[in-house]
N, C-alpha and C. Protein backbone atom coordinates (compact mmCIF):
# COMPACT_ATOMS: atom_id res chain seq x y z
N MET A 1 -1.71 -32.08 65.34
CA MET A 1 -2.93 -31.13 66.01
C MET A 1 -3.85 -31.43 65.13
N ASN A 2 -4.57 -32.57 64.58
CA ASN A 2 -5.88 -32.83 63.66
C ASN A 2 -7.18 -32.59 64.30
N THR A 3 -7.11 -33.27 65.41
CA THR A 3 -8.44 -33.18 65.80
C THR A 3 -8.59 -31.94 67.38
N ILE A 4 -10.01 -32.08 67.39
CA ILE A 4 -10.39 -30.51 68.22
C ILE A 4 -10.11 -31.79 69.61
N SER A 5 -10.08 -32.45 69.92
CA SER A 5 -10.19 -33.22 71.14
C SER A 5 -8.87 -33.08 71.94
N HIS A 6 -8.05 -33.50 70.50
CA HIS A 6 -6.20 -33.85 70.81
C HIS A 6 -6.08 -31.73 71.37
N PHE A 7 -6.44 -31.21 70.24
CA PHE A 7 -6.29 -29.82 70.92
C PHE A 7 -6.60 -29.75 72.16
N GLY A 8 -7.91 -29.69 72.32
CA GLY A 8 -8.35 -29.27 73.96
C GLY A 8 -7.50 -29.92 74.79
N SER A 9 -7.12 -31.54 74.81
CA SER A 9 -5.68 -31.72 75.77
C SER A 9 -5.08 -31.36 75.82
N SER A 10 -4.10 -30.52 74.90
CA SER A 10 -3.06 -30.05 74.54
C SER A 10 -3.32 -28.48 75.71
N VAL A 11 -4.62 -27.82 74.93
CA VAL A 11 -4.15 -26.81 76.14
C VAL A 11 -4.49 -27.12 77.68
N ALA A 12 -5.29 -28.05 77.66
CA ALA A 12 -5.33 -27.99 79.59
C ALA A 12 -4.10 -28.53 79.71
N ARG A 13 -3.44 -29.17 78.87
CA ARG A 13 -2.37 -29.71 79.90
C ARG A 13 -1.29 -28.58 79.79
N ASP A 14 -1.47 -27.63 78.71
CA ASP A 14 0.09 -26.93 78.91
C ASP A 14 -0.52 -25.12 79.63
N ALA A 15 -1.73 -25.30 80.15
CA ALA A 15 -2.33 -23.26 80.33
C ALA A 15 -2.83 -24.31 81.57
N ASN A 16 -2.60 -25.27 82.16
CA ASN A 16 -3.15 -25.38 83.69
C ASN A 16 -1.57 -26.20 84.42
N ARG A 17 -0.90 -26.20 83.91
CA ARG A 17 0.37 -26.99 84.85
C ARG A 17 1.23 -26.07 85.00
N THR A 18 1.32 -24.72 85.30
CA THR A 18 2.58 -23.87 85.91
C THR A 18 1.78 -22.97 86.82
N LEU A 19 2.75 -22.41 87.72
CA LEU A 19 2.21 -21.70 88.70
C LEU A 19 3.14 -20.46 88.65
N GLY A 20 3.51 -20.21 87.04
CA GLY A 20 4.52 -18.86 86.48
C GLY A 20 3.77 -17.66 86.48
N GLY A 21 2.36 -17.61 86.17
CA GLY A 21 1.33 -17.01 85.63
C GLY A 21 0.78 -17.16 84.04
N GLY A 22 0.72 -16.40 83.52
CA GLY A 22 0.11 -16.48 82.21
C GLY A 22 1.07 -16.56 81.14
N TRP A 23 2.14 -16.32 81.34
CA TRP A 23 3.47 -16.01 80.48
C TRP A 23 4.06 -17.53 80.24
N ALA A 24 4.10 -18.17 81.41
CA ALA A 24 4.97 -19.66 81.54
C ALA A 24 4.18 -20.56 80.80
N ALA A 25 2.58 -20.09 80.94
CA ALA A 25 2.15 -21.33 80.58
C ALA A 25 1.81 -20.87 79.00
N ILE A 26 1.94 -19.47 78.07
CA ILE A 26 1.92 -19.33 76.76
C ILE A 26 3.14 -19.89 76.31
N GLU A 27 3.89 -19.94 77.01
CA GLU A 27 5.73 -20.42 76.29
C GLU A 27 5.62 -21.59 76.39
N LEU A 28 4.87 -22.87 77.25
CA LEU A 28 4.09 -24.05 76.87
C LEU A 28 3.63 -24.51 75.70
N LEU A 29 2.52 -23.69 75.24
CA LEU A 29 1.85 -23.62 74.34
C LEU A 29 2.38 -23.40 73.06
N ARG A 30 2.93 -22.65 73.00
CA ARG A 30 4.27 -22.40 72.06
C ARG A 30 5.19 -23.14 71.68
N ARG A 31 5.67 -23.68 72.51
CA ARG A 31 6.55 -25.05 72.35
C ARG A 31 5.86 -25.87 71.87
N THR A 32 4.74 -26.41 72.34
CA THR A 32 3.90 -27.86 72.10
C THR A 32 3.35 -27.73 70.76
N PHE A 33 2.71 -26.28 70.33
CA PHE A 33 2.20 -26.23 69.12
C PHE A 33 3.20 -25.96 67.64
N ILE A 34 4.22 -25.10 67.99
CA ILE A 34 5.32 -24.93 67.12
C ILE A 34 5.98 -26.38 66.86
N ALA A 35 6.39 -27.76 68.06
CA ALA A 35 6.75 -28.38 67.79
C ALA A 35 5.48 -29.52 66.85
N SER A 36 4.78 -29.37 67.00
CA SER A 36 4.08 -30.07 66.14
C SER A 36 3.55 -29.35 64.92
N GLY A 37 4.03 -28.46 64.21
CA GLY A 37 4.24 -27.77 63.31
C GLY A 37 2.58 -27.00 62.93
N ALA A 38 1.87 -26.92 63.90
CA ALA A 38 0.58 -26.51 64.01
C ALA A 38 0.80 -24.66 64.08
N LEU A 39 1.92 -24.46 64.83
CA LEU A 39 1.89 -22.60 64.64
C LEU A 39 3.44 -22.34 64.47
N ASP A 40 3.74 -21.16 63.83
CA ASP A 40 5.34 -20.80 63.55
C ASP A 40 5.45 -19.68 64.19
N GLU A 41 6.49 -19.27 64.62
CA GLU A 41 6.72 -17.96 65.31
C GLU A 41 6.64 -16.67 64.91
N ALA A 42 6.19 -16.36 63.95
CA ALA A 42 5.46 -15.21 63.56
C ALA A 42 3.58 -15.87 63.54
N GLY A 43 3.12 -16.80 63.21
CA GLY A 43 1.92 -16.50 64.37
C GLY A 43 1.64 -16.95 65.51
N HIS A 44 2.78 -17.24 66.56
CA HIS A 44 3.02 -17.15 67.91
C HIS A 44 3.54 -15.70 67.90
N ALA A 45 3.58 -14.52 67.73
CA ALA A 45 4.05 -13.22 67.59
C ALA A 45 2.53 -12.83 67.48
N GLY A 46 1.59 -13.33 66.30
CA GLY A 46 0.67 -12.22 66.27
C GLY A 46 -0.63 -12.87 67.37
N LEU A 47 -0.37 -13.73 67.98
CA LEU A 47 -1.28 -14.27 69.09
C LEU A 47 -0.98 -13.50 69.95
N VAL A 48 0.29 -13.46 70.11
CA VAL A 48 0.86 -12.34 72.12
C VAL A 48 -0.15 -10.99 71.35
N ALA A 49 0.44 -10.31 70.11
CA ALA A 49 0.16 -9.37 70.07
C ALA A 49 -1.84 -9.34 70.45
N VAL A 50 -2.39 -10.04 70.11
CA VAL A 50 -4.17 -10.28 70.04
C VAL A 50 -4.19 -10.48 71.38
N SER A 51 -3.52 -11.05 71.99
CA SER A 51 -3.56 -11.26 73.02
C SER A 51 -3.46 -10.05 74.13
N ARG A 52 -2.61 -9.36 74.11
CA ARG A 52 -1.87 -8.19 74.70
C ARG A 52 -3.26 -7.41 74.39
N LEU A 53 -3.74 -6.73 73.21
CA LEU A 53 -4.90 -5.72 73.10
C LEU A 53 -5.67 -5.61 73.65
N THR A 54 -6.12 -7.05 74.07
CA THR A 54 -8.00 -7.50 74.50
C THR A 54 -7.56 -7.50 75.80
N PRO A 55 -8.77 -7.28 76.52
CA PRO A 55 -8.79 -6.58 78.29
C PRO A 55 -9.12 -8.21 78.59
N GLY A 56 -8.33 -8.26 79.79
CA GLY A 56 -8.58 -9.54 80.68
C GLY A 56 -7.36 -10.22 80.83
N THR A 57 -7.14 -11.26 81.23
CA THR A 57 -6.55 -12.33 80.84
C THR A 57 -5.37 -12.52 79.63
N ASN A 58 -4.15 -12.58 79.58
CA ASN A 58 -3.67 -12.82 78.35
C ASN A 58 -3.66 -13.77 78.13
N LEU A 59 -3.40 -14.98 78.96
CA LEU A 59 -3.48 -16.30 78.31
C LEU A 59 -4.69 -16.93 78.22
N LEU A 60 -6.11 -16.37 78.62
CA LEU A 60 -7.23 -16.95 77.89
C LEU A 60 -7.17 -16.37 76.47
N ALA A 61 -7.22 -15.38 76.38
CA ALA A 61 -7.06 -14.41 75.43
C ALA A 61 -6.14 -14.92 74.08
N TYR A 62 -5.17 -15.62 74.53
CA TYR A 62 -4.43 -16.16 74.08
C TYR A 62 -5.13 -17.64 73.59
N CYS A 63 -5.39 -18.12 74.18
CA CYS A 63 -6.01 -19.64 74.02
C CYS A 63 -7.12 -19.71 73.35
N VAL A 64 -7.79 -18.43 73.30
CA VAL A 64 -9.08 -18.13 72.47
C VAL A 64 -8.62 -18.29 70.98
N ALA A 65 -7.72 -16.92 70.92
CA ALA A 65 -6.91 -17.04 69.32
C ALA A 65 -6.32 -17.92 68.99
N LEU A 66 -5.61 -18.86 69.48
CA LEU A 66 -4.96 -20.16 69.41
C LEU A 66 -6.39 -21.08 68.88
N GLY A 67 -7.35 -21.09 69.22
CA GLY A 67 -8.09 -22.25 69.06
C GLY A 67 -8.76 -21.55 67.63
N TRP A 68 -9.13 -19.78 67.74
CA TRP A 68 -9.73 -19.70 66.58
C TRP A 68 -9.05 -19.88 64.97
N ARG A 69 -7.70 -19.60 65.40
CA ARG A 69 -6.79 -20.18 64.63
C ARG A 69 -6.76 -21.61 63.64
N MET A 70 -6.67 -22.12 64.90
CA MET A 70 -6.65 -23.84 64.48
C MET A 70 -7.86 -24.53 63.99
N HIS A 71 -9.33 -24.40 64.50
CA HIS A 71 -9.91 -24.65 64.52
C HIS A 71 -11.71 -23.66 64.30
N GLY A 72 -11.56 -22.53 64.19
CA GLY A 72 -12.71 -21.87 64.28
C GLY A 72 -13.30 -21.62 65.71
N TRP A 73 -14.11 -21.42 66.04
CA TRP A 73 -14.87 -20.78 66.47
C TRP A 73 -15.14 -22.53 67.54
N ARG A 74 -15.66 -23.32 67.48
CA ARG A 74 -14.98 -24.73 68.16
C ARG A 74 -13.97 -24.86 68.72
N GLY A 75 -12.85 -24.45 68.03
CA GLY A 75 -11.40 -24.22 68.99
C GLY A 75 -11.54 -23.26 69.46
N SER A 76 -12.26 -22.04 69.64
CA SER A 76 -11.95 -20.95 70.69
C SER A 76 -12.81 -21.23 72.38
N LEU A 77 -13.68 -22.15 71.91
CA LEU A 77 -14.60 -22.55 72.81
C LEU A 77 -13.70 -23.56 73.59
N THR A 78 -13.24 -24.64 72.54
CA THR A 78 -12.75 -25.85 73.30
C THR A 78 -11.39 -24.96 74.33
N ALA A 79 -10.67 -24.50 73.51
CA ALA A 79 -9.67 -23.33 74.18
C ALA A 79 -9.70 -22.80 75.60
N LEU A 80 -10.86 -22.15 75.16
CA LEU A 80 -11.18 -21.19 76.56
C LEU A 80 -11.63 -21.96 77.71
N GLY A 81 -12.26 -23.44 77.35
CA GLY A 81 -12.98 -24.60 78.22
C GLY A 81 -11.57 -25.32 79.06
N ALA A 82 -10.86 -25.41 78.31
CA ALA A 82 -9.93 -26.24 78.74
C ALA A 82 -8.85 -25.34 79.65
N ALA A 83 -8.69 -24.00 79.04
CA ALA A 83 -7.49 -23.25 79.94
C ALA A 83 -8.59 -22.54 81.37
N SER A 84 -9.80 -22.29 81.32
CA SER A 84 -10.15 -22.18 82.59
C SER A 84 -10.92 -22.90 83.50
N VAL A 85 -11.69 -23.73 82.99
CA VAL A 85 -12.55 -24.87 83.92
C VAL A 85 -11.55 -25.17 84.76
N PRO A 86 -10.60 -26.16 84.72
CA PRO A 86 -9.82 -27.14 85.55
C PRO A 86 -9.40 -26.10 86.91
N GLY A 87 -8.99 -25.01 86.69
CA GLY A 87 -8.38 -24.19 87.45
C GLY A 87 -10.18 -23.46 88.21
N SER A 88 -10.85 -23.17 87.94
CA SER A 88 -12.00 -22.84 88.30
C SER A 88 -12.69 -24.20 89.49
N VAL A 89 -12.29 -25.03 89.01
CA VAL A 89 -13.34 -26.39 89.52
C VAL A 89 -12.12 -26.24 91.33
N ILE A 90 -11.05 -26.56 90.89
CA ILE A 90 -9.75 -26.40 92.01
C ILE A 90 -10.46 -25.12 92.84
N VAL A 91 -10.10 -23.78 92.89
CA VAL A 91 -10.77 -22.95 93.60
C VAL A 91 -11.70 -23.09 93.74
N PHE A 92 -13.23 -23.32 93.40
CA PHE A 92 -14.22 -23.61 94.16
C PHE A 92 -14.29 -24.82 95.03
N ALA A 93 -13.63 -25.94 94.66
CA ALA A 93 -13.04 -26.48 95.70
C ALA A 93 -12.24 -26.28 97.15
N LEU A 94 -11.51 -25.62 97.23
CA LEU A 94 -10.57 -24.78 97.84
C LEU A 94 -11.30 -23.91 98.39
N THR A 95 -12.38 -23.27 98.31
CA THR A 95 -13.25 -22.27 98.65
C THR A 95 -14.48 -23.07 99.40
N ALA A 96 -14.81 -24.15 98.94
CA ALA A 96 -15.70 -24.76 99.61
C ALA A 96 -15.19 -25.62 101.10
N ALA A 97 -13.90 -25.92 100.58
CA ALA A 97 -13.49 -27.23 101.57
C ALA A 97 -12.49 -25.51 103.03
N LEU A 98 -12.64 -24.52 102.76
CA LEU A 98 -12.10 -23.41 103.40
C LEU A 98 -13.23 -22.76 103.99
N VAL A 99 -14.50 -23.16 103.50
CA VAL A 99 -15.83 -22.30 104.95
C VAL A 99 -15.94 -23.66 105.41
N ARG A 100 -15.69 -24.77 105.29
CA ARG A 100 -16.17 -25.74 106.42
C ARG A 100 -15.04 -26.07 107.50
N VAL A 101 -13.73 -26.02 107.06
CA VAL A 101 -12.54 -25.80 108.09
C VAL A 101 -12.26 -24.80 109.17
N ASP A 102 -13.17 -23.96 108.50
CA ASP A 102 -12.78 -22.65 109.32
C ASP A 102 -13.64 -22.57 110.49
N GLN A 103 -14.13 -23.53 110.93
CA GLN A 103 -15.08 -23.31 111.95
C GLN A 103 -14.13 -24.12 112.96
N TYR A 104 -13.01 -24.72 112.95
CA TYR A 104 -12.39 -25.53 113.52
C TYR A 104 -11.30 -24.29 114.69
N SER A 105 -10.88 -24.44 115.51
CA SER A 105 -9.89 -23.84 116.39
C SER A 105 -8.67 -23.86 115.80
N LEU A 106 -8.02 -25.31 115.76
CA LEU A 106 -6.70 -25.33 115.12
C LEU A 106 -6.31 -25.00 113.72
N VAL A 107 -7.51 -24.67 113.24
CA VAL A 107 -7.06 -24.46 111.77
C VAL A 107 -7.30 -22.63 111.51
N ARG A 108 -8.11 -22.12 112.92
CA ARG A 108 -8.08 -20.35 112.38
C ARG A 108 -6.71 -20.08 113.42
N PHE A 109 -5.92 -20.49 114.51
CA PHE A 109 -4.86 -21.17 115.07
C PHE A 109 -3.63 -20.90 113.71
N ALA A 110 -3.65 -22.26 113.05
CA ALA A 110 -2.94 -22.11 111.96
C ALA A 110 -2.64 -21.03 111.14
N LEU A 111 -3.99 -20.16 110.86
CA LEU A 111 -4.12 -19.16 109.77
C LEU A 111 -3.45 -18.08 110.26
N ALA A 112 -3.82 -17.72 111.61
CA ALA A 112 -3.51 -16.58 112.77
C ALA A 112 -1.91 -16.55 111.92
N ILE A 113 -1.32 -18.35 112.80
CA ILE A 113 0.36 -18.03 112.88
C ILE A 113 0.78 -17.30 110.90
N GLY A 114 -0.16 -18.43 110.13
CA GLY A 114 0.55 -17.72 108.57
C GLY A 114 0.26 -16.03 108.67
N ILE A 115 -0.47 -15.38 109.42
CA ILE A 115 -0.62 -14.21 109.13
C ILE A 115 0.29 -13.52 109.74
N LEU A 116 0.38 -13.85 110.83
CA LEU A 116 1.53 -13.54 111.84
C LEU A 116 2.88 -13.32 110.92
N ALA A 117 3.38 -14.21 110.51
CA ALA A 117 4.72 -14.67 109.79
C ALA A 117 4.58 -14.15 107.76
N ALA A 118 3.56 -13.95 107.97
CA ALA A 118 3.34 -13.03 106.76
C ALA A 118 3.77 -11.12 107.29
N THR A 119 3.24 -11.05 107.92
CA THR A 119 3.57 -9.74 108.49
C THR A 119 4.74 -9.33 109.40
N VAL A 120 5.14 -10.18 109.68
CA VAL A 120 7.00 -10.35 110.13
C VAL A 120 7.77 -10.21 108.95
N LEU A 121 7.50 -10.89 107.65
CA LEU A 121 8.35 -11.16 106.62
C LEU A 121 8.25 -9.28 105.81
N VAL A 122 7.13 -9.12 105.96
CA VAL A 122 6.85 -7.77 105.18
C VAL A 122 7.14 -6.86 105.98
N LEU A 123 7.21 -6.78 107.36
CA LEU A 123 8.19 -5.89 108.36
C LEU A 123 9.37 -5.72 108.10
N SER A 124 9.77 -6.96 108.23
CA SER A 124 11.30 -7.82 107.59
C SER A 124 11.96 -6.60 106.33
N ALA A 125 10.88 -7.11 105.83
CA ALA A 125 11.44 -6.39 104.12
C ALA A 125 11.77 -4.81 104.50
N ALA A 126 10.48 -4.09 104.84
CA ALA A 126 10.54 -3.01 104.75
C ALA A 126 11.31 -2.53 105.98
N TRP A 127 11.90 -2.97 106.82
CA TRP A 127 13.32 -2.39 107.38
C TRP A 127 14.31 -2.83 106.64
N SER A 128 14.50 -3.67 105.78
CA SER A 128 15.44 -3.97 105.00
C SER A 128 15.67 -2.64 104.31
N LEU A 129 14.81 -2.50 103.30
CA LEU A 129 14.38 -1.17 102.80
C LEU A 129 14.39 0.10 103.36
N LEU A 130 14.10 0.31 104.70
CA LEU A 130 14.55 1.41 105.08
C LEU A 130 15.57 1.97 106.09
N ARG A 131 16.05 1.05 106.47
CA ARG A 131 17.61 1.34 107.01
C ARG A 131 18.59 2.08 106.68
N PRO A 132 19.02 1.82 105.20
CA PRO A 132 19.79 2.78 104.73
C PRO A 132 18.99 4.38 104.76
N TYR A 133 18.37 4.64 105.05
CA TYR A 133 17.68 6.04 104.99
C TYR A 133 18.07 6.59 105.80
N LEU A 134 17.65 5.98 107.06
CA LEU A 134 17.54 6.05 108.72
C LEU A 134 18.89 7.10 109.07
N THR A 135 19.79 7.58 108.28
CA THR A 135 20.93 8.55 108.84
C THR A 135 20.32 9.62 109.67
N ALA A 136 21.31 10.14 109.89
CA ALA A 136 21.21 11.59 110.88
C ALA A 136 20.70 12.67 109.90
N SER A 137 21.18 12.48 109.04
CA SER A 137 20.66 13.34 107.96
C SER A 137 19.62 13.75 107.52
N ALA A 138 18.94 12.16 107.25
CA ALA A 138 17.34 12.09 106.96
C ALA A 138 16.58 11.71 107.59
N LEU A 139 16.88 11.49 108.78
CA LEU A 139 16.05 11.07 109.98
C LEU A 139 14.86 11.98 110.53
N ALA A 140 15.03 13.25 110.27
CA ALA A 140 14.27 14.19 110.43
C ALA A 140 12.92 14.20 109.08
N SER A 141 13.21 14.22 108.11
CA SER A 141 12.71 14.01 106.56
C SER A 141 11.73 12.82 106.99
N THR A 142 12.23 11.38 107.62
CA THR A 142 11.74 10.25 107.07
C THR A 142 10.72 10.04 108.76
N SER A 143 10.92 10.69 109.57
CA SER A 143 9.90 10.97 110.58
C SER A 143 8.58 11.75 110.53
N VAL A 144 9.20 13.13 109.57
CA VAL A 144 7.69 13.11 108.92
C VAL A 144 7.14 12.95 108.18
N ILE A 145 7.28 12.05 107.30
CA ILE A 145 6.61 10.78 106.33
C ILE A 145 6.11 10.11 107.31
N ILE A 146 6.76 8.89 108.20
CA ILE A 146 6.42 8.59 108.86
C ILE A 146 5.35 8.49 109.91
N ALA A 147 5.00 9.74 110.55
CA ALA A 147 4.06 10.69 111.00
C ALA A 147 2.70 11.19 110.59
N LEU A 148 3.27 11.57 109.30
CA LEU A 148 2.49 11.88 108.63
C LEU A 148 1.49 10.79 107.79
N SER A 149 2.26 9.72 107.56
CA SER A 149 1.50 8.53 106.93
C SER A 149 0.62 8.04 107.90
N ALA A 150 1.20 7.90 109.22
CA ALA A 150 0.12 7.17 110.36
C ALA A 150 -0.82 7.82 110.57
N ALA A 151 -1.00 9.18 110.63
CA ALA A 151 -1.81 10.28 110.68
C ALA A 151 -2.71 10.15 109.83
N LEU A 152 -2.65 10.12 108.91
CA LEU A 152 -3.30 9.72 107.75
C LEU A 152 -4.36 8.46 107.60
N LEU A 153 -3.29 7.11 108.19
CA LEU A 153 -4.17 5.94 108.42
C LEU A 153 -4.69 6.26 109.65
N LEU A 154 -4.87 6.29 110.54
CA LEU A 154 -5.62 6.80 111.46
C LEU A 154 -6.95 7.81 110.82
N ALA A 155 -6.97 8.67 110.53
CA ALA A 155 -8.04 9.23 109.87
C ALA A 155 -8.83 8.77 108.79
N GLY A 156 -8.26 7.39 108.62
CA GLY A 156 -9.30 6.61 107.42
C GLY A 156 -9.23 6.89 105.88
N LEU A 157 -7.81 7.55 105.43
CA LEU A 157 -7.72 7.41 104.41
C LEU A 157 -7.12 6.10 103.46
N THR A 158 -7.52 5.62 102.31
CA THR A 158 -6.92 4.40 101.74
C THR A 158 -5.56 4.41 101.34
N PRO A 159 -4.77 3.51 101.91
CA PRO A 159 -3.12 3.43 101.13
C PRO A 159 -2.99 3.91 99.84
N VAL A 160 -3.68 4.05 99.12
CA VAL A 160 -3.47 4.73 97.88
C VAL A 160 -2.79 6.37 97.90
N ARG A 161 -3.82 6.53 98.55
CA ARG A 161 -3.99 8.18 99.20
C ARG A 161 -2.86 8.76 99.94
N ILE A 162 -2.50 7.46 101.09
CA ILE A 162 -1.59 7.85 101.94
C ILE A 162 -0.48 8.04 101.21
N LEU A 163 0.01 6.84 100.09
CA LEU A 163 0.66 6.87 99.30
C LEU A 163 1.41 8.17 98.31
N LEU A 164 0.61 8.46 97.48
CA LEU A 164 0.59 9.63 97.09
C LEU A 164 0.68 11.11 98.07
N LEU A 165 0.24 10.97 99.08
CA LEU A 165 0.23 12.05 99.91
C LEU A 165 1.80 12.15 100.65
N SER A 166 2.19 10.80 101.10
CA SER A 166 3.68 10.99 101.53
C SER A 166 4.53 11.06 100.82
N ALA A 167 4.31 10.67 99.40
CA ALA A 167 5.19 11.20 98.50
C ALA A 167 5.20 12.78 98.10
N ALA A 168 3.98 13.53 97.79
CA ALA A 168 4.16 15.05 98.28
C ALA A 168 4.64 15.37 99.31
N ALA A 169 4.93 14.67 100.46
CA ALA A 169 5.40 15.47 101.34
C ALA A 169 6.95 15.34 101.20
N GLY A 170 7.16 13.96 100.84
CA GLY A 170 8.90 13.71 100.72
C GLY A 170 9.19 14.65 99.53
N ALA A 171 8.65 14.95 98.63
CA ALA A 171 9.03 16.15 97.26
C ALA A 171 9.06 17.05 98.30
N MET A 172 8.11 17.55 98.93
CA MET A 172 8.43 19.52 99.45
C MET A 172 9.44 19.29 100.54
N LEU A 173 9.59 18.30 100.99
CA LEU A 173 10.77 18.07 101.89
C LEU A 173 12.08 18.20 101.77
N GLY A 174 12.34 18.06 100.56
CA GLY A 174 13.68 18.54 100.24
C GLY A 174 14.13 17.77 98.58
N ARG A 175 15.56 17.27 98.75
CA ARG A 175 15.97 16.84 97.71
C ARG A 175 16.09 15.23 98.17
N PRO A 176 15.97 14.19 97.24
CA PRO A 176 15.77 13.14 97.12
C PRO A 176 16.48 12.12 98.30
N LEU A 177 16.20 11.36 99.04
CA LEU A 177 17.00 10.78 100.02
C LEU A 177 17.87 9.38 98.97
N ARG A 178 18.85 9.09 99.18
CA ARG A 178 20.05 8.54 98.36
C ARG A 178 20.33 7.30 99.30
N ALA A 179 20.18 5.80 98.92
CA ALA A 179 20.86 5.18 99.99
C ALA A 179 22.72 5.19 99.93
N PRO A 180 23.39 4.99 101.08
CA PRO A 180 24.53 5.25 100.88
C PRO A 180 25.06 4.09 99.89
N GLN A 181 25.99 3.91 99.25
CA GLN A 181 26.90 3.00 98.67
C GLN A 181 27.55 2.08 99.52
N GLU A 182 27.42 0.98 99.41
CA GLU A 182 27.94 0.26 99.30
C GLU A 182 29.43 -0.04 99.15
N GLU A 183 30.49 -0.35 99.91
CA GLU A 183 31.99 -0.69 99.37
C GLU A 183 32.27 -2.55 99.31
N PRO A 184 32.59 -2.86 98.01
CA PRO A 184 33.02 -4.00 97.99
C PRO A 184 33.62 -4.92 98.78
């Protein structure tokens, strides 16, 4: 990794080809630069520590620190651009396309179907989580918490406040609810 352009292309490739979040990209960067001999495990650990201490995106902080370590301020700027510009261009293009296609009724219908499907999935997951607690002994407590949550939602409170007040109501109603143990 002796040239800054080769360094930039390596960062761009590894930082922008994952969908697993920043940590997946950091692992690709670690493998690339350790394999080339430009970085060792201790250096990687130091870069991870620095990226965790700085506010913002860990991946960008890691790339900037890696660039600084390898090529000084030029490497930092190169790494920052290589890690952030491609994704920014894609988001810009998708946003511009969405603004234009949103005027078509077929697209609005497809988005409505997508929202409906997401809502069904969330409600299904909520039912799966809630079902073990709907026993005769827990039904009264659960009903009070659901009614209180609905009333707070209708009163215009934010979801975080509703969750906090519902948790407080659950704590005041008695012992914590435990899911029944399944037999193997």
